[in-house]
């Protein structure tokens, strides 16, 4: 294959950087990683649906029961305790 001098100028030779390490007396060439991977923190676990929905619902129902009990007590006991005399 014959390449023109202009084409030779555009062709780049890939350069690889390697690290040389020594393991138990033998020299090993280790190439640089292509993409550096950054360790990520584990994602927070979301609470289960029972905790997210049933607990607030049960708290609202309990609040309604307490308010309803107070109203029922007022209507049955306090209201009948006193009578207006005209």
PDB file of N, CA and C in Angstrom:
ATOM      1  N   UNK A   1       0.848  -1.157   0.000  1.00  0.00           N
ATOM      2  CA  UNK A   1       0.000   0.000   0.000  1.00  0.00           C
ATOM      3  C   UNK A   1       0.901   1.228   0.000  1.00  0.00           C
ATOM      4  N   UNK A   2       0.611   2.133  -0.883  1.00  0.00           N
ATOM      5  CA  UNK A   2       1.413   3.347  -1.010  1.00  0.00           C
ATOM      6  C   UNK A   2       0.575   4.503  -0.486  1.00  0.00           C
ATOM      7  N   UNK A   3       1.124   5.255   0.460  1.00  0.00           N
ATOM      8  CA  UNK A   3       0.418   6.387   1.041  1.00  0.00           C
ATOM      9  C   UNK A   3       1.123   7.672   0.646  1.00  0.00           C
ATOM     10  N   UNK A   4       0.344   8.669   0.374  1.00  0.00           N
ATOM     11  CA  UNK A   4       0.899   9.975   0.038  1.00  0.00           C
ATOM     12  C   UNK A   4       1.487  10.612   1.292  1.00  0.00           C
ATOM     13  N   UNK A   5       2.453  11.505   1.126  1.00  0.00           N
ATOM     14  CA  UNK A   5       3.048  12.149   2.305  1.00  0.00           C
ATOM     15  C   UNK A   5       2.026  12.911   3.139  1.00  0.00           C
ATOM     16  N   UNK A   6       0.975  13.472   2.534  1.00  0.00           N
ATOM     17  CA  UNK A   6      -0.052  14.182   3.304  1.00  0.00           C
ATOM     18  C   UNK A   6      -0.836  13.211   4.174  1.00  0.00           C
ATOM     19  N   UNK A   7      -1.100  12.026   3.646  1.00  0.00           N
ATOM     20  CA  UNK A   7      -1.827  11.024   4.415  1.00  0.00           C
ATOM     21  C   UNK A   7      -0.982  10.509   5.566  1.00  0.00           C
ATOM     22  N   UNK A   8       0.321  10.422   5.383  1.00  0.00           N
ATOM     23  CA  UNK A   8       1.199   9.967   6.460  1.00  0.00           C
ATOM     24  C   UNK A   8       1.229  10.972   7.607  1.00  0.00           C
ATOM     25  N   UNK A   9       1.098  12.237   7.285  1.00  0.00           N
ATOM     26  CA  UNK A   9       1.128  13.261   8.323  1.00  0.00           C
ATOM     27  C   UNK A   9      -0.125  13.196   9.193  1.00  0.00           C
ATOM     28  N   UNK A  10      -1.254  12.762   8.630  1.00  0.00           N
ATOM     29  CA  UNK A  10      -2.503  12.711   9.386  1.00  0.00           C
ATOM     30  C   UNK A  10      -2.626  11.461  10.225  1.00  0.00           C
ATOM     31  N   UNK A  11      -1.911  10.419   9.899  1.00  0.00           N
ATOM     32  CA  UNK A  11      -2.012   9.172  10.641  1.00  0.00           C
ATOM     33  C   UNK A  11      -1.215   9.317  11.932  1.00  0.00           C
ATOM     34  N   UNK A  12      -1.893   9.099  13.031  1.00  0.00           N
ATOM     35  CA  UNK A  12      -1.225   9.184  14.320  1.00  0.00           C
ATOM     36  C   UNK A  12      -1.023   7.781  14.852  1.00  0.00           C
ATOM     37  N   UNK A  13       0.079   7.561  15.438  1.00  0.00           N
ATOM     38  CA  UNK A  13       0.334   6.270  16.042  1.00  0.00           C
ATOM     39  C   UNK A  13      -0.196   6.302  17.465  1.00  0.00           C
ATOM     40  N   UNK A  14      -0.960   5.311  17.841  1.00  0.00           N
ATOM     41  CA  UNK A  14      -1.502   5.314  19.200  1.00  0.00           C
ATOM     42  C   UNK A  14      -0.382   5.119  20.216  1.00  0.00           C
ATOM     43  N   UNK A  15      -0.455   5.900  21.249  1.00  0.00           N
ATOM     44  CA  UNK A  15       0.542   5.775  22.317  1.00  0.00           C
ATOM     45  C   UNK A  15      -0.160   5.252  23.552  1.00  0.00           C
ATOM     46  N   UNK A  16       0.390   4.244  24.126  1.00  0.00           N
ATOM     47  CA  UNK A  16      -0.157   3.664  25.343  1.00  0.00           C
ATOM     48  C   UNK A  16       0.830   3.891  26.469  1.00  0.00           C
ATOM     49  N   UNK A  17       0.307   4.318  27.573  1.00  0.00           N
ATOM     50  CA  UNK A  17       1.165   4.457  28.741  1.00  0.00           C
ATOM     51  C   UNK A  17       0.997   3.200  29.580  1.00  0.00           C
ATOM     52  N   UNK A  18       2.071   2.684  30.008  1.00  0.00           N
ATOM     53  CA  UNK A  18       2.009   1.466  30.807  1.00  0.00           C
ATOM     54  C   UNK A  18       2.753   1.683  32.103  1.00  0.00           C
ATOM     55  N   UNK A  19       2.292   1.005  33.094  1.00  0.00           N
ATOM     56  CA  UNK A  19       2.974   0.991  34.379  1.00  0.00           C
ATOM     57  C   UNK A  19       3.737  -0.319  34.478  1.00  0.00           C
ATOM     58  N   UNK A  20       4.939  -0.229  34.929  1.00  0.00           N
ATOM     59  CA  UNK A  20       5.723  -1.440  35.112  1.00  0.00           C
ATOM     60  C   UNK A  20       5.722  -1.782  36.587  1.00  0.00           C
ATOM     61  N   UNK A  21       5.285  -2.968  36.887  1.00  0.00           N
ATOM     62  CA  UNK A  21       5.264  -3.410  38.276  1.00  0.00           C
ATOM     63  C   UNK A  21       6.108  -4.661  38.407  1.00  0.00           C
ATOM     64  N   UNK A  22       6.550  -4.879  39.590  1.00  0.00           N
ATOM     65  CA  UNK A  22       7.383  -6.055  39.858  1.00  0.00           C
ATOM     66  C   UNK A  22       6.615  -6.958  40.811  1.00  0.00           C
ATOM     67  N   UNK A  23       6.365  -8.158  40.370  1.00  0.00           N
ATOM     68  CA  UNK A  23       5.675  -9.134  41.208  1.00  0.00           C
ATOM     69  C   UNK A  23       6.575 -10.346  41.381  1.00  0.00           C
ATOM     70  N   UNK A  24       7.042 -10.548  42.556  1.00  0.00           N
ATOM     71  CA  UNK A  24       7.879 -11.695  42.927  1.00  0.00           C
ATOM     72  C   UNK A  24       9.027 -11.871  41.945  1.00  0.00           C
ATOM     73  N   UNK A  25       9.709 -10.777  41.632  1.00  0.00           N
ATOM     74  CA  UNK A  25      10.893 -10.866  40.796  1.00  0.00           C
ATOM     75  C   UNK A  25      10.625 -10.772  39.311  1.00  0.00           C
ATOM     76  N   UNK A  26       9.366 -10.845  38.844  1.00  0.00           N
ATOM     77  CA  UNK A  26       9.063 -10.767  37.422  1.00  0.00           C
ATOM     78  C   UNK A  26       8.523  -9.379  37.115  1.00  0.00           C
ATOM     79  N   UNK A  27       8.910  -8.814  35.980  1.00  0.00           N
ATOM     80  CA  UNK A  27       8.445  -7.499  35.568  1.00  0.00           C
ATOM     81  C   UNK A  27       7.192  -7.683  34.715  1.00  0.00           C
ATOM     82  N   UNK A  28       6.112  -6.985  35.088  1.00  0.00           N
ATOM     83  CA  UNK A  28       4.844  -7.116  34.392  1.00  0.00           C
ATOM     84  C   UNK A  28       4.423  -5.722  33.941  1.00  0.00           C
ATOM     85  N   UNK A  29       4.063  -5.574  32.657  1.00  0.00           N
ATOM     86  CA  UNK A  29       3.555  -4.309  32.148  1.00  0.00           C
ATOM     87  C   UNK A  29       2.035  -4.291  32.313  1.00  0.00           C
ATOM     88  N   UNK A  30       1.535  -3.309  33.041  1.00  0.00           N
ATOM     89  CA  UNK A  30       0.100  -3.174  33.285  1.00  0.00           C
ATOM     90  C   UNK A  30      -0.369  -1.913  32.569  1.00  0.00           C
ATOM     91  N   UNK A  31      -1.293  -2.042  31.608  1.00  0.00           N
ATOM     92  CA  UNK A  31      -1.775  -0.841  30.902  1.00  0.00           C
ATOM     93  C   UNK A  31      -2.662   0.008  31.814  1.00  0.00           C
ATOM     94  N   UNK A  32      -2.740   1.294  31.506  1.00  0.00           N
ATOM     95  CA  UNK A  32      -3.608   2.204  32.247  1.00  0.00           C
ATOM     96  C   UNK A  32      -5.060   1.837  31.947  1.00  0.00           C
ATOM     97  N   UNK A  33      -5.945   1.984  32.908  1.00  0.00           N
ATOM     98  CA  UNK A  33      -7.357   1.687  32.634  1.00  0.00           C
ATOM     99  C   UNK A  33      -7.938   2.703  31.645  1.00  0.00           C
ATOM    100  N   UNK A  34      -8.827   2.218  30.796  1.00  0.00           N
ATOM    101  CA  UNK A  34      -9.432   3.086  29.785  1.00  0.00           C
ATOM    102  C   UNK A  34     -10.365   4.103  30.432  1.00  0.00           C
ATOM    103  N   UNK A  35     -11.143   3.672  31.403  1.00  0.00           N
ATOM    104  CA  UNK A  35     -12.073   4.546  32.092  1.00  0.00           C
ATOM    105  C   UNK A  35     -11.865   4.353  33.578  1.00  0.00           C
ATOM    106  N   UNK A  36     -11.677   5.450  34.281  1.00  0.00           N
ATOM    107  CA  UNK A  36     -11.495   5.345  35.722  1.00  0.00           C
ATOM    108  C   UNK A  36     -12.868   5.223  36.376  1.00  0.00           C
ATOM    109  N   UNK A  37     -13.027   4.228  37.201  1.00  0.00           N
ATOM    110  CA  UNK A  37     -14.292   3.968  37.878  1.00  0.00           C
ATOM    111  C   UNK A  37     -14.178   4.496  39.298  1.00  0.00           C
ATOM    112  N   UNK A  38     -15.062   5.410  39.623  1.00  0.00           N
ATOM    113  CA  UNK A  38     -15.077   5.985  40.961  1.00  0.00           C
ATOM    114  C   UNK A  38     -16.076   5.196  41.791  1.00  0.00           C
ATOM    115  N   UNK A  39     -15.666   4.661  42.924  1.00  0.00           N
ATOM    116  CA  UNK A  39     -16.628   3.903  43.743  1.00  0.00           C
ATOM    117  C   UNK A  39     -17.719   4.835  44.265  1.00  0.00           C
ATOM    118  N   UNK A  40     -18.955   4.411  44.117  1.00  0.00           N
ATOM    119  CA  UNK A  40     -20.092   5.220  44.531  1.00  0.00           C
ATOM    120  C   UNK A  40     -20.590   4.742  45.887  1.00  0.00           C
ATOM    121  N   UNK A  41     -21.141   5.666  46.630  1.00  0.00           N
ATOM    122  CA  UNK A  41     -21.736   5.316  47.911  1.00  0.00           C
ATOM    123  C   UNK A  41     -23.023   4.536  47.643  1.00  0.00           C
ATOM    124  N   UNK A  42     -23.326   3.561  48.471  1.00  0.00           N
ATOM    125  CA  UNK A  42     -24.566   2.804  48.246  1.00  0.00           C
ATOM    126  C   UNK A  42     -25.780   3.708  48.426  1.00  0.00           C
ATOM    127  N   UNK A  43     -26.780   3.473  47.606  1.00  0.00           N
ATOM    128  CA  UNK A  43     -28.000   4.281  47.657  1.00  0.00           C
ATOM    129  C   UNK A  43     -28.771   3.965  48.930  1.00  0.00           C
ATOM    130  N   UNK A  44     -29.468   4.996  49.441  1.00  0.00           N
ATOM    131  CA  UNK A  44     -30.262   4.785  50.637  1.00  0.00           C
ATOM    132  C   UNK A  44     -31.446   3.885  50.316  1.00  0.00           C
ATOM    133  N   UNK A  45     -31.702   2.960  51.203  1.00  0.00           N
ATOM    134  CA  UNK A  45     -32.846   2.072  51.015  1.00  0.00           C
ATOM    135  C   UNK A  45     -34.115   2.834  51.391  1.00  0.00           C
ATOM    136  N   UNK A  46     -35.113   2.776  50.522  1.00  0.00           N
ATOM    137  CA  UNK A  46     -36.370   3.446  50.815  1.00  0.00           C
ATOM    138  C   UNK A  46     -37.180   2.590  51.782  1.00  0.00           C
ATOM    139  N   UNK A  47     -37.934   3.244  52.650  1.00  0.00           N
ATOM    140  CA  UNK A  47     -38.748   2.451  53.580  1.00  0.00           C
ATOM    141  C   UNK A  47     -39.803   1.649  52.824  1.00  0.00           C
ATOM    142  N   UNK A  48     -40.196   0.581  53.418  1.00  0.00           N
ATOM    143  CA  UNK A  48     -41.193  -0.291  52.795  1.00  0.00           C
ATOM    144  C   UNK A  48     -42.519   0.447  52.650  1.00  0.00           C
ATOM    145  N   UNK A  49     -43.361  -0.011  51.734  1.00  0.00           N
ATOM    146  CA  UNK A  49     -44.631   0.658  51.478  1.00  0.00           C
ATOM    147  C   UNK A  49     -45.508   0.634  52.710  1.00  0.00           C
ATOM    148  N   UNK A  50     -45.363  -0.407  53.543  1.00  0.00           N
ATOM    149  CA  UNK A  50     -46.186  -0.474  54.755  1.00  0.00           C
ATOM    150  C   UNK A  50     -45.843   0.671  55.691  1.00  0.00           C
ATOM    151  N   UNK A  51     -44.583   0.984  55.775  1.00  0.00           N
ATOM    152  CA  UNK A  51     -44.160   2.082  56.644  1.00  0.00           C
ATOM    153  C   UNK A  51     -44.557   3.418  56.043  1.00  0.00           C
ATOM    154  N   UNK A  52     -44.482   3.527  54.740  1.00  0.00           N
ATOM    155  CA  UNK A  52     -44.768   4.802  54.067  1.00  0.00           C
ATOM    156  C   UNK A  52     -46.252   5.136  54.041  1.00  0.00           C
ATOM    157  N   UNK A  53     -47.121   4.121  53.984  1.00  0.00           N
ATOM    158  CA  UNK A  53     -48.544   4.390  53.822  1.00  0.00           C
ATOM    159  C   UNK A  53     -49.389   3.979  55.025  1.00  0.00           C
ATOM    160  N   UNK A  54     -49.138   2.812  55.597  1.00  0.00           N
ATOM    161  CA  UNK A  54     -49.999   2.343  56.679  1.00  0.00           C
ATOM    162  C   UNK A  54     -49.780   3.102  57.979  1.00  0.00           C
ATOM    163  N   UNK A  55     -48.561   3.473  58.274  1.00  0.00           N
ATOM    164  CA  UNK A  55     -48.301   4.186  59.523  1.00  0.00           C
ATOM    165  C   UNK A  55     -48.966   5.563  59.514  1.00  0.00           C
ATOM    166  N   UNK A  56     -48.786   6.399  58.482  1.00  0.00           N
ATOM    167  CA  UNK A  56     -49.503   7.684  58.497  1.00  0.00           C
ATOM    168  C   UNK A  56     -51.025   7.521  58.469  1.00  0.00           C
ATOM    169  N   UNK A  57     -51.519   6.535  57.753  1.00  0.00           N
ATOM    170  CA  UNK A  57     -52.959   6.307  57.695  1.00  0.00           C
ATOM    171  C   UNK A  57     -53.491   5.913  59.064  1.00  0.00           C
ATOM    172  N   UNK A  58     -52.786   5.039  59.759  1.00  0.00           N
ATOM    173  CA  UNK A  58     -53.236   4.633  61.094  1.00  0.00           C
ATOM    174  C   UNK A  58     -53.154   5.795  62.075  1.00  0.00           C
ATOM    175  N   UNK A  59     -52.181   6.683  61.929  1.00  0.00           N
ATOM    176  CA  UNK A  59     -52.112   7.855  62.808  1.00  0.00           C
ATOM    177  C   UNK A  59     -53.291   8.797  62.560  1.00  0.00           C
ATOM    178  N   UNK A  60     -53.668   8.987  61.318  1.00  0.00           N
ATOM    179  CA  UNK A  60     -54.815   9.845  61.000  1.00  0.00           C
ATOM    180  C   UNK A  60     -56.093   9.232  61.541  1.00  0.00           C
ATOM    181  N   UNK A  61     -56.259   7.920  61.385  1.00  0.00           N
ATOM    182  CA  UNK A  61     -57.462   7.257  61.903  1.00  0.00           C
ATOM    183  C   UNK A  61     -57.521   7.362  63.420  1.00  0.00           C
ATOM    184  N   UNK A  62     -56.389   7.188  64.096  1.00  0.00           N
ATOM    185  CA  UNK A  62     -56.352   7.310  65.554  1.00  0.00           C
ATOM    186  C   UNK A  62     -56.723   8.726  65.988  1.00  0.00           C
ATOM    187  N   UNK A  63     -56.252   9.740  65.256  1.00  0.00           N
ATOM    188  CA  UNK A  63     -56.588  11.123  65.581  1.00  0.00           C
ATOM    189  C   UNK A  63     -58.087  11.365  65.403  1.00  0.00           C
ATOM    190  N   UNK A  64     -58.653  10.815  64.332  1.00  0.00           N
ATOM    191  CA  UNK A  64     -60.100  10.969  64.118  1.00  0.00           C
ATOM    192  C   UNK A  64     -60.907  10.274  65.213  1.00  0.00           C
ATOM    193  N   UNK A  65     -60.447   9.135  65.688  1.00  0.00           N
ATOM    194  CA  UNK A  65     -61.142   8.420  66.765  1.00  0.00           C
ATOM    195  C   UNK A  65     -61.114   9.249  68.046  1.00  0.00           C
ATOM    196  N   UNK A  66     -59.973   9.861  68.354  1.00  0.00           N
ATOM    197  CA  UNK A  66     -59.865  10.679  69.570  1.00  0.00           C
ATOM    198  C   UNK A  66     -60.783  11.888  69.468  1.00  0.00           C
ATOM    199  N   UNK A  67     -60.773  12.584  68.331  1.00  0.00           N
ATOM    200  CA  UNK A  67     -61.640  13.752  68.156  1.00  0.00           C
ATOM    201  C   UNK A  67     -63.110  13.325  68.206  1.00  0.00           C
ATOM    202  N   UNK A  68     -63.448  12.221  67.578  1.00  0.00           N
ATOM    203  CA  UNK A  68     -64.833  11.724  67.610  1.00  0.00           C
ATOM    204  C   UNK A  68     -65.263  11.346  69.007  1.00  0.00           C
ATOM    205  N   UNK A  69     -64.365  10.777  69.796  1.00  0.00           N
ATOM    206  CA  UNK A  69     -64.699  10.421  71.177  1.00  0.00           C
ATOM    207  C   UNK A  69     -64.947  11.668  72.016  1.00  0.00           C
ATOM    208  N   UNK A  70     -64.175  12.712  71.800  1.00  0.00           N
ATOM    209  CA  UNK A  70     -64.373  13.954  72.547  1.00  0.00           C
ATOM    210  C   UNK A  70     -65.720  14.572  72.197  1.00  0.00           C
ATOM    211  N   UNK A  71     -66.062  14.587  70.923  1.00  0.00           N
ATOM    212  CA  UNK A  71     -67.352  15.148  70.497  1.00  0.00           C
ATOM    213  C   UNK A  71     -68.495  14.308  71.048  1.00  0.00           C
ATOM    214  N   UNK A  72     -68.385  12.997  71.001  1.00  0.00           N
ATOM    215  CA  UNK A  72     -69.446  12.121  71.513  1.00  0.00           C
ATOM    216  C   UNK A  72     -69.611  12.304  73.017  1.00  0.00           C
ATOM    217  N   UNK A  73     -68.525  12.455  73.753  1.00  0.00           N
ATOM    218  CA  UNK A  73     -68.602  12.678  75.195  1.00  0.00           C
ATOM    219  C   UNK A  73     -69.321  13.985  75.485  1.00  0.00           C
ATOM    220  N   UNK A  74     -68.982  15.029  74.742  1.00  0.00           N
ATOM    221  CA  UNK A  74     -69.645  16.311  74.955  1.00  0.00           C
ATOM    222  C   UNK A  74     -71.136  16.207  74.675  1.00  0.00           C
ATOM    223  N   UNK A  75     -71.506  15.534  73.579  1.00  0.00           N
ATOM    224  CA  UNK A  75     -72.917  15.449  73.217  1.00  0.00           C
ATOM    225  C   UNK A  75     -73.717  14.589  74.199  1.00  0.00           C
ATOM    226  N   UNK A  76     -73.150  13.544  74.738  1.00  0.00           N
ATOM    227  CA  UNK A  76     -73.901  12.628  75.609  1.00  0.00           C
ATOM    228  C   UNK A  76     -73.853  13.045  77.075  1.00  0.00           C
ATOM    229  N   UNK A  77     -72.703  13.492  77.552  1.00  0.00           N
ATOM    230  CA  UNK A  77     -72.564  13.713  78.989  1.00  0.00           C
ATOM    231  C   UNK A  77     -72.733  15.185  79.351  1.00  0.00           C
ATOM    232  N   UNK A  78     -71.940  16.033  78.778  1.00  0.00           N
ATOM    233  CA  UNK A  78     -71.926  17.433  79.197  1.00  0.00           C
ATOM    234  C   UNK A  78     -73.206  18.134  78.775  1.00  0.00           C
ATOM    235  N   UNK A  79     -73.712  17.843  77.613  1.00  0.00           N
ATOM    236  CA  UNK A  79     -74.906  18.519  77.109  1.00  0.00           C
ATOM    237  C   UNK A  79     -76.140  18.153  77.934  1.00  0.00           C
ATOM    238  N   UNK A  80     -76.205  16.927  78.400  1.00  0.00           N
ATOM    239  CA  UNK A  80     -77.382  16.511  79.183  1.00  0.00           C
ATOM    240  C   UNK A  80     -77.231  16.845  80.666  1.00  0.00           C
ATOM    241  N   UNK A  81     -76.088  17.256  81.096  1.00  0.00           N
ATOM    242  CA  UNK A  81     -75.862  17.548  82.507  1.00  0.00           C
ATOM    243  C   UNK A  81     -76.573  18.838  82.919  1.00  0.00           C
ATOM    244  N   UNK A  82     -76.566  19.792  82.071  1.00  0.00           N
ATOM    245  CA  UNK A  82     -77.171  21.079  82.407  1.00  0.00           C
ATOM    246  C   UNK A  82     -78.399  21.316  81.536  1.00  0.00           C
ATOM    247  N   UNK A  83     -79.481  21.814  82.194  1.00  0.00           N
ATOM    248  CA  UNK A  83     -80.716  22.117  81.495  1.00  0.00           C
ATOM    249  C   UNK A  83     -81.035  23.597  81.693  1.00  0.00           C
ATOM    250  N   UNK A  84     -81.547  24.173  80.640  1.00  0.00           N
ATOM    251  CA  UNK A  84     -81.954  25.558  80.734  1.00  0.00           C
ATOM    252  C   UNK A  84     -83.381  25.630  81.260  1.00  0.00           C
ATOM    253  N   UNK A  85     -83.568  26.467  82.234  1.00  0.00           N
ATOM    254  CA  UNK A  85     -84.910  26.640  82.789  1.00  0.00           C
ATOM    255  C   UNK A  85     -85.377  28.017  82.353  1.00  0.00           C
ATOM    256  N   UNK A  86     -86.531  28.044  81.732  1.00  0.00           N
ATOM    257  CA  UNK A  86     -87.054  29.341  81.274  1.00  0.00           C
ATOM    258  C   UNK A  86     -88.249  29.757  82.051  1.00  0.00           C
TER     259      UNK A  86
END
